C-alpha atoms as a PDB file:
ATOM      1  CA  MET A   1      -4.850   4.579  15.600  1.00  0.00           C
ATOM      2  CA  THR A   2      -3.072   2.386  13.076  1.00  0.00           C
ATOM      3  CA  GLU A   3      -4.387   1.448   9.642  1.00  0.00           C
ATOM      4  CA  GLU A   4      -2.739  -1.355   7.681  1.00  0.00           C
ATOM      5  CA  LEU A   5      -3.598  -1.460   3.971  1.00  0.00           C
ATOM      6  CA  ILE A   6      -2.781  -3.849   1.177  1.00  0.00           C
ATOM      7  CA  ILE A   7      -3.442  -2.661  -2.367  1.00  0.00           C
ATOM      8  CA  ALA A   8      -3.229  -5.314  -5.105  1.00  0.00           C
ATOM      9  CA  GLY A   9      -3.812  -5.493  -8.821  1.00  0.00           C
ATOM     10  CA  PHE A  10      -2.168  -5.680 -12.216  1.00  0.00           C
ATOM     11  CA  GLY A  11       0.576  -3.324 -13.315  1.00  0.00           C
ATOM     12  CA  GLY A  12      -0.835  -0.181 -14.908  1.00  0.00           C
ATOM     13  CA  GLN A  13      -3.903  -0.008 -12.675  1.00  0.00           C
ATOM     14  CA  GLY A  14      -2.403   2.590 -10.339  1.00  0.00           C
ATOM     15  CA  VAL A  15      -1.631   0.286  -7.414  1.00  0.00           C
ATOM     16  CA  LEU A  16       1.733   1.879  -6.617  1.00  0.00           C
ATOM     17  CA  LEU A  17       0.486   5.407  -7.263  1.00  0.00           C
ATOM     18  CA  THR A  18      -2.459   4.858  -4.905  1.00  0.00           C
ATOM     19  CA  GLY A  19      -0.140   3.682  -2.147  1.00  0.00           C
ATOM     20  CA  LYS A  20       2.189   6.637  -2.631  1.00  0.00           C
ATOM     21  CA  LEU A  21      -0.685   9.144  -2.638  1.00  0.00           C
ATOM     22  CA  LEU A  22      -2.078   7.678   0.591  1.00  0.00           C
ATOM     23  CA  CYS A  23       1.352   8.017   2.201  1.00  0.00           C
ATOM     24  CA  VAL A  24       1.782  11.634   1.075  1.00  0.00           C
ATOM     25  CA  ALA A  25      -1.710  12.561   2.302  1.00  0.00           C
ATOM     26  CA  ALA A  26      -1.074  10.906   5.688  1.00  0.00           C
ATOM     27  CA  MET A  27       2.350  12.585   6.061  1.00  0.00           C
ATOM     28  CA  ARG A  28       0.771  15.988   5.381  1.00  0.00           C
ATOM     29  CA  GLN A  29      -1.573  15.273   8.310  1.00  0.00           C
ATOM     30  CA  GLY A  30       1.415  14.558  10.543  1.00  0.00           C
ATOM     31  CA  LYS A  31       1.033  10.760  10.587  1.00  0.00           C
ATOM     32  CA  GLN A  32       3.793   8.152  10.527  1.00  0.00           C
ATOM     33  CA  VAL A  33       3.824   6.060   7.341  1.00  0.00           C
ATOM     34  CA  SER A  34       5.453   2.980   5.867  1.00  0.00           C
ATOM     35  CA  HIS A  35       5.246   2.122   2.163  1.00  0.00           C
ATOM     36  CA  ILE A  36       6.466  -1.139   0.619  1.00  0.00           C
ATOM     37  CA  PRO A  37       5.839  -1.502  -3.139  1.00  0.00           C
ATOM     38  CA  SER A  38       6.173  -4.882  -4.826  1.00  0.00           C
ATOM     39  CA  TYR A  39       5.887  -5.525  -8.528  1.00  0.00           C
ATOM     40  CA  GLY A  40       6.995  -7.932 -11.247  1.00  0.00           C
ATOM     41  CA  ALA A  41       9.426  -7.308 -14.088  1.00  0.00           C
ATOM     42  CA  GLU A  42       6.666  -6.707 -16.650  1.00  0.00           C
ATOM     43  CA  MET A  43       5.931  -3.143 -17.786  1.00  0.00           C
ATOM     44  CA  ARG A  44       2.149  -3.652 -17.709  1.00  0.00           C
ATOM     45  CA  GLY A  45      -0.099  -6.527 -16.807  1.00  0.00           C
ATOM     46  CA  GLY A  46       2.173  -8.152 -14.197  1.00  0.00           C
ATOM     47  CA  THR A  47       1.342  -8.302 -10.529  1.00  0.00           C
ATOM     48  CA  ALA A  48       1.590  -5.167  -8.411  1.00  0.00           C
ATOM     49  CA  ASN A  49       1.112  -4.984  -4.676  1.00  0.00           C
ATOM     50  CA  CYS A  50       1.643  -2.275  -2.139  1.00  0.00           C
ATOM     51  CA  SER A  51       1.656  -2.410   1.660  1.00  0.00           C
ATOM     52  CA  VAL A  52       0.916   0.815   3.512  1.00  0.00           C
ATOM     53  CA  VAL A  53       0.875   1.418   7.256  1.00  0.00           C
ATOM     54  CA  ILE A  54      -0.450   4.716   8.591  1.00  0.00           C
ATOM     55  CA  SER A  55      -0.191   5.424  12.324  1.00  0.00           C
ATOM     56  CA  ASP A  56      -0.322   8.173  14.923  1.00  0.00           C
ATOM     57  CA  GLU A  57       2.642   6.522  16.647  1.00  0.00           C
ATOM     58  CA  GLU A  58       6.030   5.305  15.451  1.00  0.00           C
ATOM     59  CA  ILE A  59       5.781   2.181  13.265  1.00  0.00           C
ATOM     60  CA  ALA A  60       7.825  -0.660  14.728  1.00  0.00           C
ATOM     61  CA  SER A  61       7.468  -3.030  11.769  1.00  0.00           C
ATOM     62  CA  PRO A  62       6.141  -2.396   8.239  1.00  0.00           C
ATOM     63  CA  VAL A  63       5.135  -6.057   7.804  1.00  0.00           C
ATOM     64  CA  ILE A  64       1.365  -6.523   7.569  1.00  0.00           C
ATOM     65  CA  GLU A  65      -0.114  -9.806   8.822  1.00  0.00           C
ATOM     66  CA  LYS A  66      -3.773  -8.828   9.223  1.00  0.00           C
ATOM     67  CA  PRO A  67      -4.657  -5.768   7.136  1.00  0.00           C
ATOM     68  CA  SER A  68      -7.475  -3.515   8.262  1.00  0.00           C
ATOM     69  CA  ILE A  69      -8.168  -2.552   4.642  1.00  0.00           C
ATOM     70  CA  VAL A  70      -7.670  -4.496   1.374  1.00  0.00           C
ATOM     71  CA  ILE A  71      -8.107  -2.879  -1.996  1.00  0.00           C
ATOM     72  CA  ALA A  72      -8.145  -5.558  -4.704  1.00  0.00           C
ATOM     73  CA  LEU A  73      -8.369  -4.140  -8.216  1.00  0.00           C
ATOM     74  CA  ASN A  74      -8.824  -7.478  -9.985  1.00  0.00           C
ATOM     75  CA  GLY A  75     -10.046 -11.013  -9.350  1.00  0.00           C
ATOM     76  CA  PRO A  76      -6.681 -12.782  -8.955  1.00  0.00           C
ATOM     77  CA  SER A  77      -5.573 -10.318  -6.305  1.00  0.00           C
END
């Protein structure tokens, strides 16, 4: 089973932390994970995105084209 997640929001909303926590939890269950954070130069209020792939098998590519889950923390996301 493979889950592909995109988490998006403004900086300061916990987007990157959520992605990291999901990865740590999945690794503790013995899953393969990929985590790609993306954020702007602003300290708070800028865009923040995170791509997470969790799989039972080895992950060939961390690029997500059709996510199975999207967590959007604000309207623009």
